[in-house]
Every structure is written in structure tokens, then in C-alpha cells.
Amino acid sequence: VLGMAADDRAMKPAKALFAYSLLYLFAIFAAYLADCVVGRALAMGGI
């Protein structure tokens, strides 16, 4: 990425990959948070 030209056309794949990685990171965090919430609820005898 550092050796690429600064025009938008050349950066499009890098930007798409960055957006995908942010979405993937958010999905992993949401799944981890849901797992913790459900685990605590089941441990307390809820649900």
C-alpha cells in the first residue's frame, strides 16, 4: 500500500479490504459479546 500511487482507482482494492476487515472485526466482537451475555444468563439460571 505504501508503494502504490495515491489515486483513488489504485487504492480501491485496499480500501475494500480495509472495510471488510472492519466489518469482520465488528462481527467477531458482537459474537463474543453475545456469547458472554448468554453465558452469564445461563449461569444465573435465566432464560
PDB file of N, CA and C in Angstrom:
ATOM      1  N   VAL A   1       0.827  -1.191   0.000  1.00  0.00           N
ATOM      2  CA  VAL A   1       0.000   0.000   0.000  1.00  0.00           C
ATOM      3  C   VAL A   1       0.868   1.250   0.000  1.00  0.00           C
ATOM      4  N   LEU A   2       1.977   1.230   0.696  1.00  0.00           N
ATOM      5  CA  LEU A   2       2.830   2.409   0.740  1.00  0.00           C
ATOM      6  C   LEU A   2       3.468   2.695  -0.611  1.00  0.00           C
ATOM      7  N   GLY A   3       3.714   1.667  -1.412  1.00  0.00           N
ATOM      8  CA  GLY A   3       4.340   1.858  -2.710  1.00  0.00           C
ATOM      9  C   GLY A   3       3.354   2.144  -3.828  1.00  0.00           C
ATOM     10  N   MET A   4       2.070   2.205  -3.528  1.00  0.00           N
ATOM     11  CA  MET A   4       1.048   2.425  -4.549  1.00  0.00           C
ATOM     12  C   MET A   4       0.877   3.910  -4.836  1.00  0.00           C
ATOM     13  N   ALA A   5       0.340   4.185  -6.008  1.00  0.00           N
ATOM     14  CA  ALA A   5       0.012   5.574  -6.354  1.00  0.00           C
ATOM     15  C   ALA A   5      -1.134   6.058  -5.468  1.00  0.00           C
ATOM     16  N   ALA A   6      -1.220   7.344  -5.302  1.00  0.00           N
ATOM     17  CA  ALA A   6      -2.210   7.915  -4.384  1.00  0.00           C
ATOM     18  C   ALA A   6      -3.590   8.094  -5.017  1.00  0.00           C
ATOM     19  N   ASP A   7      -3.736   7.789  -6.315  1.00  0.00           N
ATOM     20  CA  ASP A   7      -5.049   7.996  -6.922  1.00  0.00           C
ATOM     21  C   ASP A   7      -6.055   6.976  -6.404  1.00  0.00           C
ATOM     22  N   ASP A   8      -7.309   7.325  -6.481  1.00  0.00           N
ATOM     23  CA  ASP A   8      -8.372   6.535  -5.870  1.00  0.00           C
ATOM     24  C   ASP A   8      -8.545   5.177  -6.537  1.00  0.00           C
ATOM     25  N   ARG A   9      -8.307   5.095  -7.847  1.00  0.00           N
ATOM     26  CA  ARG A   9      -8.500   3.836  -8.566  1.00  0.00           C
ATOM     27  C   ARG A   9      -7.530   2.767  -8.076  1.00  0.00           C
ATOM     28  N   ALA A  10      -6.308   3.155  -7.783  1.00  0.00           N
ATOM     29  CA  ALA A  10      -5.308   2.196  -7.327  1.00  0.00           C
ATOM     30  C   ALA A  10      -5.555   1.773  -5.883  1.00  0.00           C
ATOM     31  N   MET A  11      -6.186   2.628  -5.109  1.00  0.00           N
ATOM     32  CA  MET A  11      -6.423   2.324  -3.700  1.00  0.00           C
ATOM     33  C   MET A  11      -7.739   1.591  -3.459  1.00  0.00           C
ATOM     34  N   LYS A  12      -8.556   1.406  -4.484  1.00  0.00           N
ATOM     35  CA  LYS A  12      -9.875   0.805  -4.300  1.00  0.00           C
ATOM     36  C   LYS A  12      -9.811  -0.597  -3.689  1.00  0.00           C
ATOM     37  N   PRO A  13      -8.966  -1.514  -4.164  1.00  0.00           N
ATOM     38  CA  PRO A  13      -8.906  -2.835  -3.525  1.00  0.00           C
ATOM     39  C   PRO A  13      -8.444  -2.773  -2.068  1.00  0.00           C
ATOM     40  N   ALA A  14      -7.503  -1.901  -1.774  1.00  0.00           N
ATOM     41  CA  ALA A  14      -7.024  -1.776  -0.398  1.00  0.00           C
ATOM     42  C   ALA A  14      -8.116  -1.230   0.510  1.00  0.00           C
ATOM     43  N   LYS A  15      -8.877  -0.274   0.016  1.00  0.00           N
ATOM     44  CA  LYS A  15      -9.974   0.282   0.804  1.00  0.00           C
ATOM     45  C   LYS A  15     -11.073  -0.749   1.020  1.00  0.00           C
ATOM     46  N   ALA A  16     -11.351  -1.554   0.004  1.00  0.00           N
ATOM     47  CA  ALA A  16     -12.367  -2.596   0.142  1.00  0.00           C
ATOM     48  C   ALA A  16     -11.935  -3.640   1.166  1.00  0.00           C
ATOM     49  N   LEU A  17     -10.679  -4.017   1.133  1.00  0.00           N
ATOM     50  CA  LEU A  17     -10.175  -4.982   2.104  1.00  0.00           C
ATOM     51  C   LEU A  17     -10.216  -4.412   3.514  1.00  0.00           C
ATOM     52  N   PHE A  18      -9.894  -3.144   3.668  1.00  0.00           N
ATOM     53  CA  PHE A  18      -9.946  -2.498   4.977  1.00  0.00           C
ATOM     54  C   PHE A  18     -11.378  -2.457   5.501  1.00  0.00           C
ATOM     55  N   ALA A  19     -12.337  -2.126   4.641  1.00  0.00           N
ATOM     56  CA  ALA A  19     -13.742  -2.100   5.053  1.00  0.00           C
ATOM     57  C   ALA A  19     -14.205  -3.495   5.458  1.00  0.00           C
ATOM     58  N   TYR A  20     -13.809  -4.511   4.703  1.00  0.00           N
ATOM     59  CA  TYR A  20     -14.168  -5.887   5.040  1.00  0.00           C
ATOM     60  C   TYR A  20     -13.566  -6.295   6.378  1.00  0.00           C
ATOM     61  N   SER A  21     -12.325  -5.909   6.626  1.00  0.00           N
ATOM     62  CA  SER A  21     -11.688  -6.294   7.883  1.00  0.00           C
ATOM     63  C   SER A  21     -12.361  -5.616   9.072  1.00  0.00           C
ATOM     64  N   LEU A  22     -12.805  -4.373   8.904  1.00  0.00           N
ATOM     65  CA  LEU A  22     -13.533  -3.709   9.988  1.00  0.00           C
ATOM     66  C   LEU A  22     -14.868  -4.390  10.251  1.00  0.00           C
ATOM     67  N   LEU A  23     -15.566  -4.765   9.201  1.00  0.00           N
ATOM     68  CA  LEU A  23     -16.837  -5.469   9.352  1.00  0.00           C
ATOM     69  C   LEU A  23     -16.631  -6.819  10.031  1.00  0.00           C
ATOM     70  N   TYR A  24     -15.599  -7.535   9.628  1.00  0.00           N
ATOM     71  CA  TYR A  24     -15.289  -8.835  10.215  1.00  0.00           C
ATOM     72  C   TYR A  24     -14.932  -8.692  11.696  1.00  0.00           C
ATOM     73  N   LEU A  25     -14.149  -7.682  12.039  1.00  0.00           N
ATOM     74  CA  LEU A  25     -13.785  -7.438  13.425  1.00  0.00           C
ATOM     75  C   LEU A  25     -15.016  -7.107  14.257  1.00  0.00           C
ATOM     76  N   PHE A  26     -15.928  -6.293  13.721  1.00  0.00           N
ATOM     77  CA  PHE A  26     -17.162  -5.969  14.421  1.00  0.00           C
ATOM     78  C   PHE A  26     -18.002  -7.221  14.635  1.00  0.00           C
ATOM     79  N   ALA A  27     -18.085  -8.097  13.641  1.00  0.00           N
ATOM     80  CA  ALA A  27     -18.869  -9.327  13.769  1.00  0.00           C
ATOM     81  C   ALA A  27     -18.281 -10.242  14.835  1.00  0.00           C
ATOM     82  N   ILE A  28     -16.972 -10.355  14.887  1.00  0.00           N
ATOM     83  CA  ILE A  28     -16.336 -11.185  15.911  1.00  0.00           C
ATOM     84  C   ILE A  28     -16.599 -10.609  17.296  1.00  0.00           C
ATOM     85  N   PHE A  29     -16.483  -9.294  17.447  1.00  0.00           N
ATOM     86  CA  PHE A  29     -16.738  -8.657  18.730  1.00  0.00           C
ATOM     87  C   PHE A  29     -18.192  -8.847  19.153  1.00  0.00           C
ATOM     88  N   ALA A  30     -19.135  -8.706  18.228  1.00  0.00           N
ATOM     89  CA  ALA A  30     -20.552  -8.890  18.538  1.00  0.00           C
ATOM     90  C   ALA A  30     -20.841 -10.329  18.953  1.00  0.00           C
ATOM     91  N   ALA A  31     -20.227 -11.295  18.284  1.00  0.00           N
ATOM     92  CA  ALA A  31     -20.417 -12.695  18.650  1.00  0.00           C
ATOM     93  C   ALA A  31     -19.836 -12.984  20.028  1.00  0.00           C
ATOM     94  N   TYR A  32     -18.684 -12.419  20.327  1.00  0.00           N
ATOM     95  CA  TYR A  32     -18.068 -12.600  21.644  1.00  0.00           C
ATOM     96  C   TYR A  32     -18.935 -11.972  22.735  1.00  0.00           C
ATOM     97  N   LEU A  33     -19.460 -10.796  22.474  1.00  0.00           N
ATOM     98  CA  LEU A  33     -20.321 -10.128  23.441  1.00  0.00           C
ATOM     99  C   LEU A  33     -21.601 -10.930  23.674  1.00  0.00           C
ATOM    100  N   ALA A  34     -22.208 -11.434  22.617  1.00  0.00           N
ATOM    101  CA  ALA A  34     -23.413 -12.253  22.749  1.00  0.00           C
ATOM    102  C   ALA A  34     -23.118 -13.530  23.521  1.00  0.00           C
ATOM    103  N   ASP A  35     -21.976 -14.140  23.281  1.00  0.00           N
ATOM    104  CA  ASP A  35     -21.595 -15.352  23.995  1.00  0.00           C
ATOM    105  C   ASP A  35     -21.448 -15.083  25.491  1.00  0.00           C
ATOM    106  N   CYS A  36     -20.840 -13.959  25.835  1.00  0.00           N
ATOM    107  CA  CYS A  36     -20.676 -13.602  27.249  1.00  0.00           C
ATOM    108  C   CYS A  36     -22.021 -13.343  27.912  1.00  0.00           C
ATOM    109  N   VAL A  37     -22.904 -12.637  27.224  1.00  0.00           N
ATOM    110  CA  VAL A  37     -24.214 -12.317  27.793  1.00  0.00           C
ATOM    111  C   VAL A  37     -25.031 -13.584  27.992  1.00  0.00           C
ATOM    112  N   VAL A  38     -25.070 -14.442  27.002  1.00  0.00           N
ATOM    113  CA  VAL A  38     -25.835 -15.684  27.112  1.00  0.00           C
ATOM    114  C   VAL A  38     -25.217 -16.594  28.166  1.00  0.00           C
ATOM    115  N   GLY A  39     -23.904 -16.661  28.215  1.00  0.00           N
ATOM    116  CA  GLY A  39     -23.238 -17.491  29.218  1.00  0.00           C
ATOM    117  C   GLY A  39     -23.539 -17.042  30.629  1.00  0.00           C
ATOM    118  N   ARG A  40     -23.534 -15.747  30.858  1.00  0.00           N
ATOM    119  CA  ARG A  40     -23.860 -15.236  32.199  1.00  0.00           C
ATOM    120  C   ARG A  40     -25.321 -15.473  32.536  1.00  0.00           C
ATOM    121  N   ALA A  41     -26.205 -15.307  31.558  1.00  0.00           N
ATOM    122  CA  ALA A  41     -27.630 -15.523  31.806  1.00  0.00           C
ATOM    123  C   ALA A  41     -27.897 -16.984  32.141  1.00  0.00           C
ATOM    124  N   LEU A  42     -27.251 -17.888  31.454  1.00  0.00           N
ATOM    125  CA  LEU A  42     -27.440 -19.311  31.742  1.00  0.00           C
ATOM    126  C   LEU A  42     -26.827 -19.689  33.081  1.00  0.00           C
ATOM    127  N   ALA A  43     -25.715 -19.073  33.442  1.00  0.00           N
ATOM    128  CA  ALA A  43     -25.069 -19.365  34.717  1.00  0.00           C
ATOM    129  C   ALA A  43     -25.912 -18.874  35.888  1.00  0.00           C
ATOM    130  N   MET A  44     -26.686 -17.819  35.669  1.00  0.00           N
ATOM    131  CA  MET A  44     -27.528 -17.273  36.729  1.00  0.00           C
ATOM    132  C   MET A  44     -28.889 -17.955  36.775  1.00  0.00           C
ATOM    133  N   GLY A  45     -29.139 -18.880  35.878  1.00  0.00           N
ATOM    134  CA  GLY A  45     -30.401 -19.604  35.865  1.00  0.00           C
ATOM    135  C   GLY A  45     -31.497 -18.911  35.085  1.00  0.00           C
ATOM    136  N   GLY A  46     -31.145 -17.921  34.317  1.00  0.00           N
ATOM    137  CA  GLY A  46     -32.128 -17.210  33.500  1.00  0.00           C
ATOM    138  C   GLY A  46     -32.378 -17.934  32.195  1.00  0.00           C
ATOM    139  N   ILE A  47     -33.147 -17.329  31.371  1.00  0.00           N
ATOM    140  CA  ILE A  47     -33.517 -17.824  30.035  1.00  0.00           C
ATOM    141  C   ILE A  47     -34.164 -19.156  30.100  1.00  0.00           C
TER     142      ILE A  47
END
